[in-house]
Amino acid sequence: MNKTKQNRNKQLKQYLKKLQEHDWHKPATYKNKVATRPIKDLVDYYNAQMVLVLRNNFHQSLESVASILDIPKVKVFRLSEKYDQEFDSIEEIQEAIQNG
């Protein structure tokens, strides 16, 4: 894995962690504005979007996607089957995570 992919991976993990922390510490801010999903569902959703972008846009194998996202290969397969791709790039996913 090259340096760019490692940095991108690290940033994605930080964004997901930040999203989880914000939901955990301030759940009321979301309940008043929009219907919320459990944190596990959000993490699965964004992981699925990453899986789909890596598989469809970058033509990565299940093994390489599992390695990049540091999740089991079985979960990569299940996420890719469960969700449809809604983002066209990794940057769009990062922006969605940052903007909530």
PDB file of N, CA and C in Angstrom:
ATOM      1  N   MET A   1       0.859  -1.167   0.000  1.00  0.00           N
ATOM      2  CA  MET A   1       0.000   0.000   0.000  1.00  0.00           C
ATOM      3  C   MET A   1       0.909   1.235   0.000  1.00  0.00           C
ATOM      4  N   ASN A   2       0.620   2.161  -0.914  1.00  0.00           N
ATOM      5  CA  ASN A   2       1.487   3.329  -0.986  1.00  0.00           C
ATOM      6  C   ASN A   2       1.092   4.378   0.056  1.00  0.00           C
ATOM      7  N   LYS A   3       1.916   5.382   0.163  1.00  0.00           N
ATOM      8  CA  LYS A   3       1.754   6.410   1.198  1.00  0.00           C
ATOM      9  C   LYS A   3       0.424   7.159   1.068  1.00  0.00           C
ATOM     10  N   THR A   4       0.010   7.468  -0.166  1.00  0.00           N
ATOM     11  CA  THR A   4      -1.243   8.196  -0.381  1.00  0.00           C
ATOM     12  C   THR A   4      -2.429   7.394   0.123  1.00  0.00           C
ATOM     13  N   LYS A   5      -2.452   6.097  -0.179  1.00  0.00           N
ATOM     14  CA  LYS A   5      -3.548   5.250   0.272  1.00  0.00           C
ATOM     15  C   LYS A   5      -3.546   5.141   1.791  1.00  0.00           C
ATOM     16  N   GLN A   6      -2.371   5.058   2.382  1.00  0.00           N
ATOM     17  CA  GLN A   6      -2.284   4.980   3.840  1.00  0.00           C
ATOM     18  C   GLN A   6      -2.814   6.256   4.479  1.00  0.00           C
ATOM     19  N   ASN A   7      -2.435   7.400   3.929  1.00  0.00           N
ATOM     20  CA  ASN A   7      -2.916   8.679   4.467  1.00  0.00           C
ATOM     21  C   ASN A   7      -4.422   8.812   4.302  1.00  0.00           C
ATOM     22  N   ARG A   8      -4.932   8.416   3.148  1.00  0.00           N
ATOM     23  CA  ARG A   8      -6.366   8.485   2.895  1.00  0.00           C
ATOM     24  C   ARG A   8      -7.114   7.568   3.848  1.00  0.00           C
ATOM     25  N   ASN A   9      -6.569   6.385   4.056  1.00  0.00           N
ATOM     26  CA  ASN A   9      -7.147   5.420   4.989  1.00  0.00           C
ATOM     27  C   ASN A   9      -7.194   5.981   6.400  1.00  0.00           C
ATOM     28  N   LYS A  10      -6.086   6.577   6.808  1.00  0.00           N
ATOM     29  CA  LYS A  10      -5.980   7.164   8.149  1.00  0.00           C
ATOM     30  C   LYS A  10      -7.011   8.280   8.328  1.00  0.00           C
ATOM     31  N   GLN A  11      -7.154   9.128   7.303  1.00  0.00           N
ATOM     32  CA  GLN A  11      -8.121  10.222   7.378  1.00  0.00           C
ATOM     33  C   GLN A  11      -9.546   9.695   7.486  1.00  0.00           C
ATOM     34  N   LEU A  12      -9.867   8.680   6.689  1.00  0.00           N
ATOM     35  CA  LEU A  12     -11.207   8.122   6.740  1.00  0.00           C
ATOM     36  C   LEU A  12     -11.512   7.576   8.129  1.00  0.00           C
ATOM     37  N   LYS A  13     -10.569   6.859   8.714  1.00  0.00           N
ATOM     38  CA  LYS A  13     -10.773   6.316  10.053  1.00  0.00           C
ATOM     39  C   LYS A  13     -10.964   7.438  11.069  1.00  0.00           C
ATOM     40  N   GLN A  14     -10.214   8.533  10.907  1.00  0.00           N
ATOM     41  CA  GLN A  14     -10.367   9.670  11.812  1.00  0.00           C
ATOM     42  C   GLN A  14     -11.747  10.313  11.645  1.00  0.00           C
ATOM     43  N   TYR A  15     -12.208  10.441  10.408  1.00  0.00           N
ATOM     44  CA  TYR A  15     -13.526  11.022  10.166  1.00  0.00           C
ATOM     45  C   TYR A  15     -14.623  10.157  10.766  1.00  0.00           C
ATOM     46  N   LEU A  16     -14.523   8.849  10.584  1.00  0.00           N
ATOM     47  CA  LEU A  16     -15.521   7.948  11.155  1.00  0.00           C
ATOM     48  C   LEU A  16     -15.510   8.011  12.673  1.00  0.00           C
ATOM     49  N   LYS A  17     -14.320   8.087  13.259  1.00  0.00           N
ATOM     50  CA  LYS A  17     -14.212   8.176  14.711  1.00  0.00           C
ATOM     51  C   LYS A  17     -14.818   9.487  15.204  1.00  0.00           C
ATOM     52  N   LYS A  18     -14.543  10.573  14.488  1.00  0.00           N
ATOM     53  CA  LYS A  18     -15.083  11.881  14.868  1.00  0.00           C
ATOM     54  C   LYS A  18     -16.604  11.866  14.788  1.00  0.00           C
ATOM     55  N   LEU A  19     -17.139  11.240  13.752  1.00  0.00           N
ATOM     56  CA  LEU A  19     -18.584  11.137  13.611  1.00  0.00           C
ATOM     57  C   LEU A  19     -19.181  10.359  14.769  1.00  0.00           C
ATOM     58  N   GLN A  20     -18.568   9.261  15.145  1.00  0.00           N
ATOM     59  CA  GLN A  20     -19.047   8.464  16.265  1.00  0.00           C
ATOM     60  C   GLN A  20     -18.986   9.249  17.572  1.00  0.00           C
ATOM     61  N   GLU A  21     -17.893   9.943  17.814  1.00  0.00           N
ATOM     62  CA  GLU A  21     -17.738  10.708  19.051  1.00  0.00           C
ATOM     63  C   GLU A  21     -18.790  11.810  19.140  1.00  0.00           C
ATOM     64  N   HIS A  22     -19.029  12.487  18.036  1.00  0.00           N
ATOM     65  CA  HIS A  22     -19.999  13.579  18.043  1.00  0.00           C
ATOM     66  C   HIS A  22     -21.397  13.040  18.342  1.00  0.00           C
ATOM     67  N   ASP A  23     -21.773  11.949  17.700  1.00  0.00           N
ATOM     68  CA  ASP A  23     -23.077  11.334  17.964  1.00  0.00           C
ATOM     69  C   ASP A  23     -23.181  10.873  19.409  1.00  0.00           C
ATOM     70  N   TRP A  24     -22.110  10.334  19.930  1.00  0.00           N
ATOM     71  CA  TRP A  24     -22.122   9.775  21.282  1.00  0.00           C
ATOM     72  C   TRP A  24     -22.262  10.880  22.333  1.00  0.00           C
ATOM     73  N   HIS A  25     -21.531  11.978  22.142  1.00  0.00           N
ATOM     74  CA  HIS A  25     -21.527  13.035  23.151  1.00  0.00           C
ATOM     75  C   HIS A  25     -22.693  14.012  23.016  1.00  0.00           C
ATOM     76  N   LYS A  26     -23.276  14.131  21.827  1.00  0.00           N
ATOM     77  CA  LYS A  26     -24.369  15.083  21.625  1.00  0.00           C
ATOM     78  C   LYS A  26     -25.521  14.449  20.848  1.00  0.00           C
ATOM     79  N   PRO A  27     -26.098  13.383  21.365  1.00  0.00           N
ATOM     80  CA  PRO A  27     -27.172  12.730  20.605  1.00  0.00           C
ATOM     81  C   PRO A  27     -28.426  13.580  20.469  1.00  0.00           C
ATOM     82  N   ALA A  28     -28.681  14.467  21.400  1.00  0.00           N
ATOM     83  CA  ALA A  28     -29.900  15.285  21.363  1.00  0.00           C
ATOM     84  C   ALA A  28     -29.894  16.243  20.177  1.00  0.00           C
ATOM     85  N   THR A  29     -28.733  16.694  19.740  1.00  0.00           N
ATOM     86  CA  THR A  29     -28.683  17.634  18.620  1.00  0.00           C
ATOM     87  C   THR A  29     -29.220  17.001  17.351  1.00  0.00           C
ATOM     88  N   TYR A  30     -29.064  15.706  17.208  1.00  0.00           N
ATOM     89  CA  TYR A  30     -29.568  15.034  16.020  1.00  0.00           C
ATOM     90  C   TYR A  30     -31.024  14.633  16.161  1.00  0.00           C
ATOM     91  N   LYS A  31     -31.443  14.288  17.353  1.00  0.00           N
ATOM     92  CA  LYS A  31     -32.820  13.846  17.549  1.00  0.00           C
ATOM     93  C   LYS A  31     -33.807  14.967  17.237  1.00  0.00           C
ATOM     94  N   ASN A  32     -33.430  16.205  17.509  1.00  0.00           N
ATOM     95  CA  ASN A  32     -34.331  17.325  17.257  1.00  0.00           C
ATOM     96  C   ASN A  32     -34.375  17.723  15.786  1.00  0.00           C
ATOM     97  N   LYS A  33     -33.364  17.397  15.026  1.00  0.00           N
ATOM     98  CA  LYS A  33     -33.273  17.851  13.641  1.00  0.00           C
ATOM     99  C   LYS A  33     -33.733  16.803  12.631  1.00  0.00           C
ATOM    100  N   VAL A  34     -33.199  15.621  12.737  1.00  0.00           N
ATOM    101  CA  VAL A  34     -33.492  14.577  11.753  1.00  0.00           C
ATOM    102  C   VAL A  34     -33.647  13.237  12.444  1.00  0.00           C
ATOM    103  N   ALA A  35     -34.276  12.333  11.736  1.00  0.00           N
ATOM    104  CA  ALA A  35     -34.353  10.974  12.256  1.00  0.00           C
ATOM    105  C   ALA A  35     -32.947  10.373  12.232  1.00  0.00           C
ATOM    106  N   THR A  36     -32.585   9.745  13.317  1.00  0.00           N
ATOM    107  CA  THR A  36     -31.227   9.225  13.404  1.00  0.00           C
ATOM    108  C   THR A  36     -31.204   7.718  13.257  1.00  0.00           C
ATOM    109  N   ARG A  37     -30.028   7.249  12.915  1.00  0.00           N
ATOM    110  CA  ARG A  37     -29.780   5.817  12.856  1.00  0.00           C
ATOM    111  C   ARG A  37     -28.762   5.496  13.933  1.00  0.00           C
ATOM    112  N   PRO A  38     -28.776   4.280  14.420  1.00  0.00           N
ATOM    113  CA  PRO A  38     -27.745   3.907  15.393  1.00  0.00           C
ATOM    114  C   PRO A  38     -26.343   4.085  14.793  1.00  0.00           C
ATOM    115  N   ILE A  39     -25.377   4.341  15.658  1.00  0.00           N
ATOM    116  CA  ILE A  39     -24.011   4.598  15.204  1.00  0.00           C
ATOM    117  C   ILE A  39     -23.476   3.434  14.381  1.00  0.00           C
ATOM    118  N   LYS A  40     -23.775   2.217  14.787  1.00  0.00           N
ATOM    119  CA  LYS A  40     -23.297   1.055  14.036  1.00  0.00           C
ATOM    120  C   LYS A  40     -23.807   1.098  12.602  1.00  0.00           C
ATOM    121  N   ASP A  41     -25.057   1.515  12.420  1.00  0.00           N
ATOM    122  CA  ASP A  41     -25.614   1.621  11.072  1.00  0.00           C
ATOM    123  C   ASP A  41     -24.897   2.690  10.262  1.00  0.00           C
ATOM    124  N   LEU A  42     -24.574   3.819  10.899  1.00  0.00           N
ATOM    125  CA  LEU A  42     -23.842   4.872  10.197  1.00  0.00           C
ATOM    126  C   LEU A  42     -22.456   4.406   9.782  1.00  0.00           C
ATOM    127  N   VAL A  43     -21.775   3.729  10.680  1.00  0.00           N
ATOM    128  CA  VAL A  43     -20.438   3.223  10.361  1.00  0.00           C
ATOM    129  C   VAL A  43     -20.535   2.210   9.227  1.00  0.00           C
ATOM    130  N   ASP A  44     -21.514   1.314   9.307  1.00  0.00           N
ATOM    131  CA  ASP A  44     -21.700   0.342   8.234  1.00  0.00           C
ATOM    132  C   ASP A  44     -22.027   1.036   6.915  1.00  0.00           C
ATOM    133  N   TYR A  45     -22.869   2.063   6.980  1.00  0.00           N
ATOM    134  CA  TYR A  45     -23.241   2.795   5.769  1.00  0.00           C
ATOM    135  C   TYR A  45     -22.017   3.432   5.106  1.00  0.00           C
ATOM    136  N   TYR A  46     -21.216   4.152   5.889  1.00  0.00           N
ATOM    137  CA  TYR A  46     -20.054   4.812   5.304  1.00  0.00           C
ATOM    138  C   TYR A  46     -18.977   3.806   4.896  1.00  0.00           C
ATOM    139  N   ASN A  47     -18.832   2.732   5.654  1.00  0.00           N
ATOM    140  CA  ASN A  47     -17.914   1.674   5.225  1.00  0.00           C
ATOM    141  C   ASN A  47     -18.397   1.071   3.906  1.00  0.00           C
ATOM    142  N   ALA A  48     -19.699   0.859   3.785  1.00  0.00           N
ATOM    143  CA  ALA A  48     -20.250   0.311   2.542  1.00  0.00           C
ATOM    144  C   ALA A  48     -20.005   1.259   1.377  1.00  0.00           C
ATOM    145  N   GLN A  49     -20.167   2.545   1.607  1.00  0.00           N
ATOM    146  CA  GLN A  49     -19.911   3.509   0.541  1.00  0.00           C
ATOM    147  C   GLN A  49     -18.440   3.477   0.118  1.00  0.00           C
ATOM    148  N   MET A  50     -17.555   3.352   1.113  1.00  0.00           N
ATOM    149  CA  MET A  50     -16.123   3.233   0.793  1.00  0.00           C
ATOM    150  C   MET A  50     -15.858   1.952   0.004  1.00  0.00           C
ATOM    151  N   VAL A  51     -16.456   0.862   0.446  1.00  0.00           N
ATOM    152  CA  VAL A  51     -16.292  -0.416  -0.250  1.00  0.00           C
ATOM    153  C   VAL A  51     -16.737  -0.275  -1.707  1.00  0.00           C
ATOM    154  N   LEU A  52     -17.910   0.304  -1.908  1.00  0.00           N
ATOM    155  CA  LEU A  52     -18.450   0.418  -3.258  1.00  0.00           C
ATOM    156  C   LEU A  52     -17.621   1.334  -4.142  1.00  0.00           C
ATOM    157  N   VAL A  53     -17.132   2.437  -3.590  1.00  0.00           N
ATOM    158  CA  VAL A  53     -16.283   3.333  -4.379  1.00  0.00           C
ATOM    159  C   VAL A  53     -14.970   2.636  -4.734  1.00  0.00           C
ATOM    160  N   LEU A  54     -14.365   1.971  -3.761  1.00  0.00           N
ATOM    161  CA  LEU A  54     -13.102   1.275  -4.035  1.00  0.00           C
ATOM    162  C   LEU A  54     -13.293   0.141  -5.040  1.00  0.00           C
ATOM    163  N   ARG A  55     -14.385  -0.595  -4.919  1.00  0.00           N
ATOM    164  CA  ARG A  55     -14.630  -1.723  -5.824  1.00  0.00           C
ATOM    165  C   ARG A  55     -15.005  -1.241  -7.222  1.00  0.00           C
ATOM    166  N   ASN A  56     -15.929  -0.282  -7.313  1.00  0.00           N
ATOM    167  CA  ASN A  56     -16.449   0.140  -8.615  1.00  0.00           C
ATOM    168  C   ASN A  56     -15.570   1.160  -9.325  1.00  0.00           C
ATOM    169  N   ASN A  57     -15.044   2.119  -8.591  1.00  0.00           N
ATOM    170  CA  ASN A  57     -14.275   3.189  -9.221  1.00  0.00           C
ATOM    171  C   ASN A  57     -12.795   2.849  -9.366  1.00  0.00           C
ATOM    172  N   PHE A  58     -12.248   2.123  -8.385  1.00  0.00           N
ATOM    173  CA  PHE A  58     -10.823   1.820  -8.398  1.00  0.00           C
ATOM    174  C   PHE A  58     -10.536   0.356  -8.709  1.00  0.00           C
ATOM    175  N   HIS A  59     -11.592  -0.433  -8.941  1.00  0.00           N
ATOM    176  CA  HIS A  59     -11.480  -1.840  -9.335  1.00  0.00           C
ATOM    177  C   HIS A  59     -10.585  -2.648  -8.405  1.00  0.00           C
ATOM    178  N   GLN A  60     -10.808  -2.481  -7.103  1.00  0.00           N
ATOM    179  CA  GLN A  60     -10.053  -3.212  -6.096  1.00  0.00           C
ATOM    180  C   GLN A  60     -10.746  -4.537  -5.788  1.00  0.00           C
ATOM    181  N   SER A  61      -9.976  -5.529  -5.435  1.00  0.00           N
ATOM    182  CA  SER A  61     -10.530  -6.832  -5.067  1.00  0.00           C
ATOM    183  C   SER A  61     -11.089  -6.781  -3.649  1.00  0.00           C
ATOM    184  N   LEU A  62     -11.849  -7.814  -3.295  1.00  0.00           N
ATOM    185  CA  LEU A  62     -12.385  -7.901  -1.932  1.00  0.00           C
ATOM    186  C   LEU A  62     -11.255  -7.893  -0.909  1.00  0.00           C
ATOM    187  N   GLU A  63     -10.203  -8.629  -1.204  1.00  0.00           N
ATOM    188  CA  GLU A  63      -9.071  -8.719  -0.279  1.00  0.00           C
ATOM    189  C   GLU A  63      -8.394  -7.365  -0.080  1.00  0.00           C
ATOM    190  N   SER A  64      -8.186  -6.652  -1.170  1.00  0.00           N
ATOM    191  CA  SER A  64      -7.505  -5.355  -1.042  1.00  0.00           C
ATOM    192  C   SER A  64      -8.391  -4.332  -0.339  1.00  0.00           C
ATOM    193  N   VAL A  65      -9.701  -4.361  -0.598  1.00  0.00           N
ATOM    194  CA  VAL A  65     -10.613  -3.436   0.091  1.00  0.00           C
ATOM    195  C   VAL A  65     -10.634  -3.756   1.583  1.00  0.00           C
ATOM    196  N   ALA A  66     -10.669  -5.042   1.917  1.00  0.00           N
ATOM    197  CA  ALA A  66     -10.642  -5.442   3.326  1.00  0.00           C
ATOM    198  C   ALA A  66      -9.367  -4.950   3.992  1.00  0.00           C
ATOM    199  N   SER A  67      -8.268  -5.039   3.284  1.00  0.00           N
ATOM    200  CA  SER A  67      -6.987  -4.581   3.823  1.00  0.00           C
ATOM    201  C   SER A  67      -6.961  -3.061   3.983  1.00  0.00           C
ATOM    202  N   ILE A  68      -7.453  -2.346   2.990  1.00  0.00           N
ATOM    203  CA  ILE A  68      -7.452  -0.881   3.029  1.00  0.00           C
ATOM    204  C   ILE A  68      -8.316  -0.363   4.173  1.00  0.00           C
ATOM    205  N   LEU A  69      -9.509  -0.940   4.327  1.00  0.00           N
ATOM    206  CA  LEU A  69     -10.442  -0.467   5.353  1.00  0.00           C
ATOM    207  C   LEU A  69     -10.258  -1.162   6.690  1.00  0.00           C
ATOM    208  N   ASP A  70      -9.415  -2.163   6.717  1.00  0.00           N
ATOM    209  CA  ASP A  70      -9.130  -2.919   7.937  1.00  0.00           C
ATOM    210  C   ASP A  70     -10.392  -3.538   8.530  1.00  0.00           C
ATOM    211  N   ILE A  71     -11.168  -4.176   7.664  1.00  0.00           N
ATOM    212  CA  ILE A  71     -12.345  -4.910   8.089  1.00  0.00           C
ATOM    213  C   ILE A  71     -12.298  -6.293   7.443  1.00  0.00           C
ATOM    214  N   PRO A  72     -12.992  -7.277   8.005  1.00  0.00           N
ATOM    215  CA  PRO A  72     -12.956  -8.628   7.447  1.00  0.00           C
ATOM    216  C   PRO A  72     -13.522  -8.689   6.021  1.00  0.00           C
ATOM    217  N   LYS A  73     -12.975  -9.594   5.228  1.00  0.00           N
ATOM    218  CA  LYS A  73     -13.401  -9.741   3.835  1.00  0.00           C
ATOM    219  C   LYS A  73     -14.889 -10.098   3.744  1.00  0.00           C
ATOM    220  N   VAL A  74     -15.372 -10.900   4.680  1.00  0.00           N
ATOM    221  CA  VAL A  74     -16.791 -11.276   4.682  1.00  0.00           C
ATOM    222  C   VAL A  74     -17.669 -10.036   4.854  1.00  0.00           C
ATOM    223  N   LYS A  75     -17.243  -9.131   5.735  1.00  0.00           N
ATOM    224  CA  LYS A  75     -18.015  -7.906   5.960  1.00  0.00           C
ATOM    225  C   LYS A  75     -17.993  -7.021   4.714  1.00  0.00           C
ATOM    226  N   VAL A  76     -16.863  -6.987   4.025  1.00  0.00           N
ATOM    227  CA  VAL A  76     -16.769  -6.212   2.784  1.00  0.00           C
ATOM    228  C   VAL A  76     -17.808  -6.720   1.793  1.00  0.00           C
ATOM    229  N   PHE A  77     -17.885  -8.036   1.655  1.00  0.00           N
ATOM    230  CA  PHE A  77     -18.848  -8.629   0.731  1.00  0.00           C
ATOM    231  C   PHE A  77     -20.276  -8.308   1.156  1.00  0.00           C
ATOM    232  N   ARG A  78     -20.587  -8.462   2.426  1.00  0.00           N
ATOM    233  CA  ARG A  78     -21.949  -8.208   2.916  1.00  0.00           C
ATOM    234  C   ARG A  78     -22.356  -6.746   2.737  1.00  0.00           C
ATOM    235  N   LEU A  79     -21.423  -5.837   3.032  1.00  0.00           N
ATOM    236  CA  LEU A  79     -21.728  -4.418   2.861  1.00  0.00           C
ATOM    237  C   LEU A  79     -21.976  -4.073   1.403  1.00  0.00           C
ATOM    238  N   SER A  80     -21.189  -4.660   0.515  1.00  0.00           N
ATOM    239  CA  SER A  80     -21.370  -4.361  -0.914  1.00  0.00           C
ATOM    240  C   SER A  80     -22.693  -4.906  -1.440  1.00  0.00           C
ATOM    241  N   GLU A  81     -23.203  -5.959  -0.820  1.00  0.00           N
ATOM    242  CA  GLU A  81     -24.491  -6.524  -1.221  1.00  0.00           C
ATOM    243  C   GLU A  81     -25.666  -5.780  -0.600  1.00  0.00           C
ATOM    244  N   LYS A  82     -25.460  -5.236   0.581  1.00  0.00           N
ATOM    245  CA  LYS A  82     -26.550  -4.617   1.343  1.00  0.00           C
ATOM    246  C   LYS A  82     -26.886  -3.201   0.876  1.00  0.00           C
ATOM    247  N   TYR A  83     -25.900  -2.426   0.455  1.00  0.00           N
ATOM    248  CA  TYR A  83     -26.091  -1.015   0.123  1.00  0.00           C
ATOM    249  C   TYR A  83     -25.855  -0.745  -1.361  1.00  0.00           C
ATOM    250  N   ASP A  84     -26.458   0.341  -1.835  1.00  0.00           N
ATOM    251  CA  ASP A  84     -26.198   0.841  -3.187  1.00  0.00           C
ATOM    252  C   ASP A  84     -25.222   2.003  -3.092  1.00  0.00           C
ATOM    253  N   GLN A  85     -24.445   2.195  -4.140  1.00  0.00           N
ATOM    254  CA  GLN A  85     -23.471   3.279  -4.148  1.00  0.00           C
ATOM    255  C   GLN A  85     -24.179   4.618  -4.326  1.00  0.00           C
ATOM    256  N   GLU A  86     -23.933   5.528  -3.389  1.00  0.00           N
ATOM    257  CA  GLU A  86     -24.552   6.852  -3.435  1.00  0.00           C
ATOM    258  C   GLU A  86     -23.536   7.970  -3.638  1.00  0.00           C
ATOM    259  N   PHE A  87     -22.257   7.656  -3.551  1.00  0.00           N
ATOM    260  CA  PHE A  87     -21.197   8.651  -3.723  1.00  0.00           C
ATOM    261  C   PHE A  87     -20.316   8.252  -4.902  1.00  0.00           C
ATOM    262  N   ASP A  88     -19.768   9.262  -5.574  1.00  0.00           N
ATOM    263  CA  ASP A  88     -18.916   8.993  -6.732  1.00  0.00           C
ATOM    264  C   ASP A  88     -17.435   8.991  -6.408  1.00  0.00           C
ATOM    265  N   SER A  89     -17.071   9.524  -5.247  1.00  0.00           N
ATOM    266  CA  SER A  89     -15.646   9.590  -4.912  1.00  0.00           C
ATOM    267  C   SER A  89     -15.445   9.517  -3.403  1.00  0.00           C
ATOM    268  N   ILE A  90     -14.223   9.255  -3.034  1.00  0.00           N
ATOM    269  CA  ILE A  90     -13.855   9.209  -1.619  1.00  0.00           C
ATOM    270  C   ILE A  90     -14.001  10.597  -0.993  1.00  0.00           C
ATOM    271  N   GLU A  91     -13.693  11.622  -1.777  1.00  0.00           N
ATOM    272  CA  GLU A  91     -13.790  12.983  -1.272  1.00  0.00           C
ATOM    273  C   GLU A  91     -15.239  13.340  -0.922  1.00  0.00           C
ATOM    274  N   GLU A  92     -16.198  12.866  -1.723  1.00  0.00           N
ATOM    275  CA  GLU A  92     -17.609  13.126  -1.424  1.00  0.00           C
ATOM    276  C   GLU A  92     -18.019  12.452  -0.115  1.00  0.00           C
ATOM    277  N   ILE A  93     -17.500  11.253   0.134  1.00  0.00           N
ATOM    278  CA  ILE A  93     -17.791  10.546   1.376  1.00  0.00           C
ATOM    279  C   ILE A  93     -17.209  11.315   2.547  1.00  0.00           C
ATOM    280  N   GLN A  94     -15.973  11.773   2.415  1.00  0.00           N
ATOM    281  CA  GLN A  94     -15.338  12.546   3.478  1.00  0.00           C
ATOM    282  C   GLN A  94     -16.118  13.820   3.763  1.00  0.00           C
ATOM    283  N   GLU A  95     -16.566  14.484   2.714  1.00  0.00           N
ATOM    284  CA  GLU A  95     -17.342  15.721   2.883  1.00  0.00           C
ATOM    285  C   GLU A  95     -18.667  15.433   3.599  1.00  0.00           C
ATOM    286  N   ALA A  96     -19.315  14.338   3.241  1.00  0.00           N
ATOM    287  CA  ALA A  96     -20.580  13.967   3.897  1.00  0.00           C
ATOM    288  C   ALA A  96     -20.356  13.671   5.363  1.00  0.00           C
ATOM    289  N   ILE A  97     -19.261  13.018   5.697  1.00  0.00           N
ATOM    290  CA  ILE A  97     -18.958  12.718   7.093  1.00  0.00           C
ATOM    291  C   ILE A  97     -18.680  14.007   7.862  1.00  0.00           C
ATOM    292  N   GLN A  98     -17.909  14.900   7.265  1.00  0.00           N
ATOM    293  CA  GLN A  98     -17.580  16.161   7.931  1.00  0.00           C
ATOM    294  C   GLN A  98     -18.812  17.030   8.147  1.00  0.00           C
ATOM    295  N   ASN A  99     -19.723  17.032   7.180  1.00  0.00           N
ATOM    296  CA  ASN A  99     -20.899  17.901   7.257  1.00  0.00           C
ATOM    297  C   ASN A  99     -22.063  17.251   7.995  1.00  0.00           C
ATOM    298  N   GLY A 100     -21.899  16.013   8.364  1.00  0.00           N
ATOM    299  CA  GLY A 100     -22.952  15.320   9.117  1.00  0.00           C
ATOM    300  C   GLY A 100     -24.028  14.920   8.205  1.00  0.00           C
TER     301      GLY A 100
END
